[in-house]
Amino acid sequence: MALPAAAATAYQAIANIGTSAGTAGSAATTGATGANASDFSNFLSNALRDGIGTMKQGETMAGRQITGQANIVDVVSAVNQAEITLDTVVAVRDKVVSAYQSIMNMPI
């Protein structure tokens, strides 16, 4: 998935979450937050699937280049996308670990 397309997809997913949170706002005040948790869970699942797909595409293109079946420009683009995806996943993981450590260090 190209970077502009990935950004547009992420923006659309966030916009959908915001829209569903706005319509579920009255439900959230009554204690029904399952829909919001489900939306966030779906967002994360879809983001992980997209990331895995990007990584697989990079591997596939690299394999095709080895056998001479792919254009070098396409291979470099796919591998670059895979690298950007991996860097993003690592950055998010680091932030999650940092947040967890901050919470664990809070005094009770």
Protein backbone atom coordinates (compact mmCIF):
# COMPACT_ATOMS: atom_id res chain seq x y z
CA MET A 1 0.00 0.00 0.00
CA ALA A 2 1.45 3.35 -1.00
CA LEU A 3 2.15 5.89 1.73
CA PRO A 4 -0.51 8.41 0.59
CA ALA A 5 -3.03 5.59 0.33
CA ALA A 6 -2.07 4.31 3.79
CA ALA A 7 -2.43 7.80 5.22
CA ALA A 8 -5.82 8.21 3.56
CA THR A 9 -6.95 4.83 4.90
CA ALA A 10 -5.77 5.69 8.41
CA TYR A 11 -7.48 9.08 8.22
CA GLN A 12 -10.72 7.44 7.07
CA ALA A 13 -10.54 4.86 9.86
CA ILE A 14 -10.01 7.57 12.46
CA ALA A 15 -12.84 9.62 10.96
CA ASN A 16 -15.12 6.59 11.20
CA ILE A 17 -14.12 6.05 14.82
CA GLY A 18 -14.85 9.70 15.56
CA THR A 19 -18.22 9.46 13.83
CA SER A 20 -19.20 6.28 15.63
CA ALA A 21 -17.98 7.74 18.93
CA GLY A 22 -20.12 10.81 18.31
CA THR A 23 -23.22 8.73 17.65
CA ALA A 24 -22.41 6.40 20.53
CA GLY A 25 -21.77 9.31 22.89
CA SER A 26 -25.12 8.90 24.60
CA ALA A 27 -24.50 5.18 24.93
CA ALA A 28 -21.10 5.87 26.46
CA THR A 29 -22.68 8.02 29.14
CA THR A 30 -24.99 5.16 30.08
CA GLY A 31 -22.04 2.82 30.48
CA ALA A 32 -22.15 0.98 27.14
CA THR A 33 -18.59 1.41 25.85
CA GLY A 34 -18.32 -1.94 24.09
CA ALA A 35 -18.89 -0.39 20.67
CA ASN A 36 -16.00 2.05 21.07
CA ALA A 37 -13.68 -0.70 22.28
CA SER A 38 -14.75 -2.85 19.35
CA ASP A 39 -14.06 -0.03 16.88
CA PHE A 40 -10.58 0.51 18.31
CA SER A 41 -9.94 -3.23 18.27
CA ASN A 42 -11.03 -3.40 14.62
CA PHE A 43 -8.84 -0.41 13.79
CA LEU A 44 -5.80 -2.10 15.36
CA SER A 45 -6.57 -5.43 13.69
CA ASN A 46 -6.89 -3.80 10.29
CA ALA A 47 -3.69 -1.80 10.80
CA LEU A 48 -1.81 -4.98 11.71
CA ARG A 49 -3.21 -6.83 8.70
CA ASP A 50 -2.19 -3.96 6.42
CA GLY A 51 1.29 -3.94 7.95
CA ILE A 52 1.69 -7.67 7.52
CA GLY A 53 0.44 -7.41 3.93
CA THR A 54 2.97 -4.66 3.19
CA MET A 55 5.79 -6.75 4.64
CA LYS A 56 4.72 -9.79 2.60
CA GLN A 57 4.53 -7.66 -0.55
CA GLY A 58 8.10 -6.50 0.04
CA GLU A 59 9.26 -10.09 0.46
CA THR A 60 7.39 -11.20 -2.64
CA MET A 61 8.84 -8.42 -4.75
CA ALA A 62 12.35 -9.15 -3.49
CA GLY A 63 11.88 -12.81 -4.44
CA ARG A 64 10.64 -11.84 -7.89
CA GLN A 65 13.68 -9.63 -8.41
CA ILE A 66 15.98 -12.53 -7.58
CA THR A 67 14.31 -14.64 -10.26
CA GLY A 68 14.32 -11.69 -12.68
CA GLN A 69 10.54 -11.35 -12.86
CA ALA A 70 10.21 -7.84 -11.38
CA ASN A 71 11.26 -4.32 -12.26
CA ILE A 72 13.90 -2.93 -9.89
CA VAL A 73 11.88 0.27 -9.32
CA ASP A 74 8.88 -1.75 -8.12
CA VAL A 75 11.10 -3.85 -5.87
CA VAL A 76 12.77 -0.83 -4.29
CA SER A 77 9.37 0.80 -3.75
CA ALA A 78 7.90 -2.33 -2.13
CA VAL A 79 10.93 -2.88 0.10
CA ASN A 80 10.92 0.80 1.09
CA GLN A 81 7.24 0.54 2.06
CA ALA A 82 8.03 -2.56 4.12
CA GLU A 83 10.85 -0.71 5.86
CA ILE A 84 8.61 2.26 6.65
CA THR A 85 5.95 -0.10 8.00
CA LEU A 86 8.48 -1.88 10.19
CA ASP A 87 9.82 1.42 11.51
CA THR A 88 6.28 2.52 12.35
CA VAL A 89 5.48 -0.73 14.14
CA VAL A 90 8.70 -0.51 16.16
CA ALA A 91 7.97 3.13 17.09
CA VAL A 92 4.44 2.25 18.24
CA ARG A 93 5.75 -0.71 20.21
CA ASP A 94 8.33 1.50 21.92
CA LYS A 95 5.63 4.03 22.86
CA VAL A 96 3.40 1.30 24.28
CA VAL A 97 6.25 -0.12 26.35
CA SER A 98 7.17 3.37 27.55
CA ALA A 99 3.55 4.06 28.55
CA TYR A 100 3.36 0.73 30.37
CA GLN A 101 6.56 1.49 32.27
CA SER A 102 5.27 4.96 33.18
CA ILE A 103 2.07 3.47 34.54
CA MET A 104 3.95 0.84 36.51
CA ASN A 105 6.20 3.52 38.06
CA MET A 106 3.27 5.64 39.26
CA PRO A 107 2.88 5.78 43.02
CA ILE A 108 -0.33 4.37 44.40
